[in-house]
Amino acid sequence: MTEQHPPVCDYEGSDYQTSFWEEGGRAYEDKAEEIALKRLLPKSGKLLLEIGAGAGRNTPRYKDYERIVLLDYSRTQLQQAQERLGENDRYIYVAADAYRLPFVDGLFDGATMIRTLHHMKDAPAVLRQVRRVLQPASKFLLEYANKLNLKAILRYLLRKQDWSPFTPEQVEFVALNFDFHPKTVRKWLKEENFKLERQLTVSHFRIGVIKKIFPSSFLAWLDSFAQLTGDLWQLAPSVFTISQAVGETEIASADAFFQCPQCNHAPLDETPETLTCPGCNAKYAIRNGIYDFREPL
């Protein structure tokens, strides 16, 4: 699947952090994801790209990286992240399309993509961009929504859903919300020059009645054991993976960072309020500490 400009899921103006996480009864899922991140994240790193950073829910968990680039398509989500994280030179905020990452090749030594791939109609194109901006041997932590989960299997067998969880293609259950088959994601990672190292299955107990009966900390504790089966089978609704970028590719020079998402020219000329591309003359705004590459001025 290849589209020149695939559609983008835009959370602009959304209260997602509050309505979904803080008031949505998802303390268990948050705790379970924190456990998975601790298990998979490298112990140290210099520059991490967090794709789909949103309001910065996971950003404080990347404490072993010296600097973090928070990338999201929504400016308001990044503004919420700024409010959460405070004034800190450790964080760089970038509003951009993940299909056209505005960074030079081989810039980062780590990347994460949590609860974001499920909004990507052309997932391989995004993975290709991630690999482009990573240095050789860098780590990539990817989470994806798993169509081959037990609930979907049961619903299919009881004829309560039309799509099969066993087939390899992705399923769009709501507009720009996709579930993926684990074998397909592994295939894509390999094709885009990633070597899969480990898989964890997460959120095994994502069932409303169970979450009402048991405390979130207890469910997360149970989940911590169930996660360890991830390399054997993937039947939970969420799968976390850690992969290594393979192949000999370019490493960015020390003074390189942004490139133009329109023509790929680098470097860009920076003033306090704009970035200008000498190649195509496109200009991008810098507003309140956010580099805005969504559209040229």
Protein backbone atom coordinates (compact mmCIF):
# COMPACT_ATOMS: atom_id res chain seq x y z
CA MET A 1 0.00 0.00 0.00
CA THR A 2 1.49 3.35 -1.01
CA GLU A 3 -0.25 6.71 -1.07
CA GLN A 4 1.53 9.97 -1.87
CA HIS A 5 -0.32 11.82 0.90
CA PRO A 6 -2.21 9.40 3.15
CA PRO A 7 -4.88 10.95 5.40
CA VAL A 8 -3.78 12.05 8.86
CA CYS A 9 -5.72 11.59 12.09
CA ASP A 10 -5.74 15.03 13.72
CA TYR A 11 -6.30 15.48 17.47
CA GLU A 12 -6.27 19.27 17.19
CA GLY A 13 -8.42 20.77 19.94
CA SER A 14 -9.01 17.36 21.55
CA ASP A 15 -9.13 16.78 25.31
CA TYR A 16 -7.88 13.22 24.71
CA GLN A 17 -5.46 13.23 27.63
CA THR A 18 -8.19 14.17 30.09
CA SER A 19 -11.22 12.35 28.66
CA PHE A 20 -9.47 9.13 27.62
CA TRP A 21 -6.68 8.70 30.18
CA GLU A 22 -7.37 10.75 33.29
CA GLU A 23 -11.16 10.36 33.41
CA GLY A 24 -11.67 7.35 31.14
CA GLY A 25 -10.98 4.57 33.61
CA ARG A 26 -7.68 3.54 32.04
CA ALA A 27 -5.34 3.57 35.01
CA TYR A 28 -4.69 -0.15 34.53
CA GLU A 29 -3.70 0.23 30.88
CA ASP A 30 -1.40 3.12 31.76
CA LYS A 31 0.35 1.14 34.49
CA ALA A 32 0.69 -1.93 32.23
CA GLU A 33 2.23 0.17 29.48
CA GLU A 34 4.68 1.70 31.95
CA ILE A 35 5.86 -1.80 32.89
CA ALA A 36 6.37 -2.72 29.23
CA LEU A 37 8.32 0.47 28.55
CA LYS A 38 10.66 -0.17 31.48
CA ARG A 39 11.38 -3.64 30.15
CA LEU A 40 12.10 -2.61 26.58
CA LEU A 41 13.70 0.84 26.71
CA PRO A 42 17.49 1.12 26.39
CA LYS A 43 19.33 2.11 29.56
CA SER A 44 20.82 5.20 27.95
CA GLY A 45 20.61 7.33 24.82
CA LYS A 46 21.32 10.80 23.45
CA LEU A 47 18.41 11.86 21.24
CA LEU A 48 15.00 10.14 21.19
CA LEU A 49 12.18 10.74 18.72
CA GLU A 50 8.75 10.24 20.30
CA ILE A 51 6.27 9.90 17.42
CA GLY A 52 2.70 10.60 18.44
CA ALA A 53 3.80 12.14 21.71
CA GLY A 54 0.40 13.72 22.30
CA ALA A 55 0.19 15.52 25.63
CA GLY A 56 3.40 13.91 26.89
CA ARG A 57 1.88 11.07 28.91
CA ASN A 58 4.86 8.78 28.34
CA THR A 59 7.61 11.38 27.94
CA PRO A 60 8.72 11.40 31.62
CA ARG A 61 9.30 7.65 31.32
CA TYR A 62 12.11 8.20 28.83
CA LYS A 63 14.38 9.47 31.60
CA ASP A 64 17.50 7.73 30.31
CA TYR A 65 17.66 9.83 27.13
CA GLU A 66 19.51 13.15 27.21
CA ARG A 67 17.09 14.95 24.86
CA ILE A 68 13.64 14.10 23.49
CA VAL A 69 11.83 15.36 20.41
CA LEU A 70 8.07 15.25 20.95
CA LEU A 71 6.40 14.96 17.55
CA ASP A 72 2.66 15.12 17.03
CA TYR A 73 0.37 16.39 14.28
CA SER A 74 -1.73 18.31 16.80
CA ARG A 75 -0.40 21.65 18.03
CA THR A 76 -2.83 21.69 20.96
CA GLN A 77 -1.61 18.28 22.13
CA LEU A 78 1.96 19.63 22.12
CA GLN A 79 0.82 22.70 24.04
CA GLN A 80 -0.63 20.38 26.68
CA ALA A 81 2.69 18.53 26.76
CA GLN A 82 4.49 21.82 27.36
CA GLU A 83 2.18 22.53 30.29
CA ARG A 84 2.78 19.05 31.70
CA LEU A 85 6.56 19.03 31.30
CA GLY A 86 7.30 22.67 32.01
CA GLU A 87 10.17 24.83 30.78
CA ASN A 88 13.02 22.49 29.92
CA ASP A 89 15.66 22.61 27.17
CA ARG A 90 15.64 18.81 27.19
CA TYR A 91 12.43 18.78 25.15
CA ILE A 92 11.93 19.87 21.53
CA TYR A 93 8.34 20.20 20.31
CA VAL A 94 7.57 19.53 16.63
CA ALA A 95 4.18 19.57 14.90
CA ALA A 96 4.53 17.48 11.76
CA ASP A 97 3.18 14.67 9.61
CA ALA A 98 4.77 11.30 10.46
CA TYR A 99 4.67 10.41 6.76
CA ARG A 100 7.07 13.31 6.11
CA LEU A 101 9.38 13.60 9.09
CA PRO A 102 11.19 16.96 9.01
CA PHE A 103 14.57 15.60 10.13
CA VAL A 104 17.81 14.75 8.38
CA ASP A 105 18.82 11.13 7.84
CA GLY A 106 20.47 9.28 10.72
CA LEU A 107 19.73 11.90 13.38
CA PHE A 108 18.30 9.86 16.27
CA ASP A 109 19.68 6.97 18.30
CA GLY A 110 16.21 5.93 19.47
CA ALA A 111 12.53 6.24 18.59
CA THR A 112 9.20 5.29 20.13
CA MET A 113 5.74 5.06 18.63
CA ILE A 114 3.06 4.21 21.20
CA ARG A 115 -0.68 4.13 20.37
CA THR A 116 0.03 5.86 17.08
CA LEU A 117 0.49 3.24 14.34
CA HIS A 118 -3.20 2.36 14.61
CA HIS A 119 -3.99 5.73 13.00
CA MET A 120 -1.74 5.05 9.99
CA LYS A 121 -3.42 3.90 6.80
CA ASP A 122 -0.02 3.31 5.18
CA ALA A 123 1.95 1.86 8.09
CA PRO A 124 4.97 0.72 6.03
CA ALA A 125 5.47 4.30 4.78
CA VAL A 126 5.71 5.56 8.37
CA LEU A 127 8.10 2.76 9.36
CA ARG A 128 10.26 3.69 6.35
CA GLN A 129 10.44 7.27 7.59
CA VAL A 130 11.37 6.14 11.09
CA ARG A 131 14.21 4.00 9.74
CA ARG A 132 15.46 6.89 7.61
CA VAL A 133 15.97 9.20 10.59
CA LEU A 134 17.55 6.52 12.80
CA GLN A 135 21.25 5.78 13.08
CA PRO A 136 22.48 2.21 12.51
CA ALA A 137 21.93 -0.07 15.53
CA SER A 138 19.44 2.38 17.06
CA LYS A 139 16.46 1.02 18.98
CA PHE A 140 12.86 1.45 17.87
CA LEU A 141 10.07 0.76 20.36
CA LEU A 142 6.78 0.22 18.54
CA GLU A 143 3.33 -0.51 19.94
CA TYR A 144 0.44 -1.57 17.71
CA ALA A 145 -3.19 -2.59 18.05
CA ASN A 146 -3.51 -6.33 17.54
CA LYS A 147 -6.42 -7.70 15.49
CA LEU A 148 -5.57 -11.25 16.62
CA ASN A 149 -6.74 -10.68 20.19
CA LEU A 150 -8.91 -13.10 22.15
CA LYS A 151 -11.95 -10.83 22.22
CA ALA A 152 -11.89 -10.39 18.44
CA ILE A 153 -11.43 -14.12 17.93
CA LEU A 154 -14.40 -14.90 20.16
CA ARG A 155 -16.61 -12.30 18.50
CA TYR A 156 -15.70 -13.66 15.07
CA LEU A 157 -16.43 -17.27 16.06
CA LEU A 158 -19.80 -16.19 17.51
CA ARG A 159 -20.51 -14.28 14.27
CA LYS A 160 -20.73 -10.94 16.07
CA GLN A 161 -18.21 -9.31 13.74
CA ASP A 162 -17.72 -9.64 9.99
CA TRP A 163 -13.94 -9.33 9.68
CA SER A 164 -11.61 -12.22 10.46
CA PRO A 165 -8.85 -11.73 13.04
CA PHE A 166 -6.84 -14.48 11.33
CA THR A 167 -6.27 -12.82 7.94
CA PRO A 168 -3.10 -10.73 7.36
CA GLU A 169 -4.63 -7.45 6.15
CA GLN A 170 -5.29 -4.56 8.51
CA VAL A 171 -8.86 -3.78 9.52
CA GLU A 172 -10.28 -0.26 9.79
CA PHE A 173 -12.92 -0.65 12.51
CA VAL A 174 -13.50 3.12 12.78
CA ALA A 175 -12.33 5.81 10.37
CA LEU A 176 -8.51 6.01 10.58
CA ASN A 177 -8.37 3.43 13.38
CA PHE A 178 -6.67 0.22 12.34
CA ASP A 179 -5.88 -3.13 13.92
CA PHE A 180 -2.96 -5.17 12.55
CA HIS A 181 -2.00 -8.82 12.41
CA PRO A 182 1.26 -9.56 14.29
CA LYS A 183 2.75 -11.48 11.35
CA THR A 184 2.09 -8.54 9.06
CA VAL A 185 3.77 -6.05 11.41
CA ARG A 186 6.79 -8.33 11.76
CA LYS A 187 6.98 -8.57 7.99
CA TRP A 188 6.86 -4.79 7.62
CA LEU A 189 9.58 -4.29 10.22
CA LYS A 190 11.87 -6.69 8.41
CA GLU A 191 11.19 -5.09 5.02
CA GLU A 192 12.03 -1.64 6.40
CA ASN A 193 15.37 -2.83 7.83
CA PHE A 194 14.46 -3.44 11.44
CA LYS A 195 15.52 -6.56 13.33
CA LEU A 196 12.84 -7.55 15.83
CA GLU A 197 14.39 -8.37 19.21
CA ARG A 198 11.50 -8.82 21.62
CA GLN A 199 7.70 -8.72 21.86
CA LEU A 200 5.49 -8.09 24.89
CA THR A 201 1.72 -8.51 24.93
CA VAL A 202 -0.01 -5.82 27.00
CA SER A 203 -3.44 -5.04 28.45
CA HIS A 204 -4.61 -8.65 28.73
CA PHE A 205 -7.38 -7.65 31.16
CA ARG A 206 -8.86 -4.76 29.16
CA ILE A 207 -12.43 -5.78 30.00
CA GLY A 208 -14.79 -3.38 31.71
CA VAL A 209 -16.27 -5.75 34.27
CA ILE A 210 -12.83 -7.01 35.34
CA LYS A 211 -11.53 -3.46 35.75
CA LYS A 212 -14.52 -2.64 37.97
CA ILE A 213 -13.89 -5.61 40.26
CA PHE A 214 -10.10 -5.50 40.69
CA PRO A 215 -7.78 -2.56 41.49
CA SER A 216 -5.72 -1.25 38.59
CA SER A 217 -2.44 -1.94 40.42
CA PHE A 218 -3.39 -5.62 40.88
CA LEU A 219 -4.34 -6.01 37.21
CA ALA A 220 -1.11 -4.34 36.14
CA TRP A 221 0.81 -6.77 38.39
CA LEU A 222 -0.94 -9.73 36.73
CA ASP A 223 -0.31 -8.18 33.33
CA SER A 224 3.41 -7.92 34.09
CA PHE A 225 3.59 -11.73 34.12
CA ALA A 226 1.34 -12.22 31.10
CA GLN A 227 3.47 -9.80 29.09
CA LEU A 228 6.37 -12.28 29.17
CA THR A 229 4.51 -14.64 26.82
CA GLY A 230 4.73 -12.08 24.00
CA ASP A 231 7.44 -13.87 22.06
CA LEU A 232 5.42 -17.10 22.14
CA TRP A 233 2.00 -15.82 21.09
CA GLN A 234 0.26 -12.49 20.59
CA LEU A 235 -3.35 -12.61 21.76
CA ALA A 236 -3.66 -9.39 23.76
CA PRO A 237 -5.16 -6.21 22.27
CA SER A 238 -1.81 -4.38 22.41
CA VAL A 239 1.66 -5.56 21.39
CA PHE A 240 4.90 -3.79 22.30
CA THR A 241 8.00 -4.53 20.25
CA ILE A 242 11.64 -3.48 20.40
CA SER A 243 13.68 -3.62 17.20
CA GLN A 244 17.14 -2.61 16.07
CA ALA A 245 17.83 -0.57 12.96
CA VAL A 246 20.02 -2.69 10.68
CA GLY A 247 22.10 -1.89 7.64
CA GLU A 248 24.79 0.67 6.97
CA THR A 249 23.13 4.07 6.70
CA GLU A 250 24.20 7.66 7.11
CA ILE A 251 24.74 9.29 10.49
CA ALA A 252 23.81 12.96 10.69
CA SER A 253 26.56 15.50 11.23
CA ALA A 254 26.73 17.23 14.59
CA ASP A 255 25.23 20.48 13.29
CA ALA A 256 22.40 18.88 11.24
CA PHE A 257 18.83 18.59 12.47
CA PHE A 258 15.79 19.75 10.47
CA GLN A 259 15.15 19.22 6.77
CA CYS A 260 12.35 20.54 4.60
CA PRO A 261 9.41 18.10 4.41
CA GLN A 262 8.48 19.55 1.01
CA CYS A 263 11.79 19.09 -0.86
CA ASN A 264 14.07 17.35 1.71
CA HIS A 265 16.62 20.16 1.63
CA ALA A 266 18.87 20.68 4.64
CA PRO A 267 19.88 22.73 6.52
CA LEU A 268 17.12 25.28 7.05
CA ASP A 269 17.67 28.94 7.89
CA GLU A 270 16.32 29.75 11.34
CA THR A 271 15.10 32.99 12.86
CA PRO A 272 13.23 33.34 16.18
CA GLU A 273 9.89 33.01 14.37
CA THR A 274 10.51 30.95 11.20
CA LEU A 275 12.47 28.22 9.49
CA THR A 276 13.12 28.85 5.80
CA CYS A 277 14.17 26.29 3.21
CA PRO A 278 16.86 27.62 0.81
CA GLY A 279 15.91 24.86 -1.64
CA CYS A 280 12.22 25.62 -2.28
CA ASN A 281 11.71 28.80 -0.21
CA ALA A 282 9.09 27.16 1.99
CA LYS A 283 8.73 28.82 5.38
CA TYR A 284 7.60 27.17 8.60
CA ALA A 285 6.44 28.88 11.75
CA ILE A 286 7.96 28.67 15.22
CA ARG A 287 5.16 29.50 17.64
CA ASN A 288 5.46 29.43 21.41
CA GLY A 289 8.32 26.97 21.31
CA ILE A 290 6.68 24.63 18.76
CA TYR A 291 8.26 24.04 15.35
CA ASP A 292 5.27 23.80 13.01
CA PHE A 293 5.91 21.76 9.86
CA ARG A 294 2.29 20.85 9.15
CA GLU A 295 2.00 23.31 6.27
CA PRO A 296 4.31 26.04 4.94
CA LEU A 297 3.38 29.64 5.70
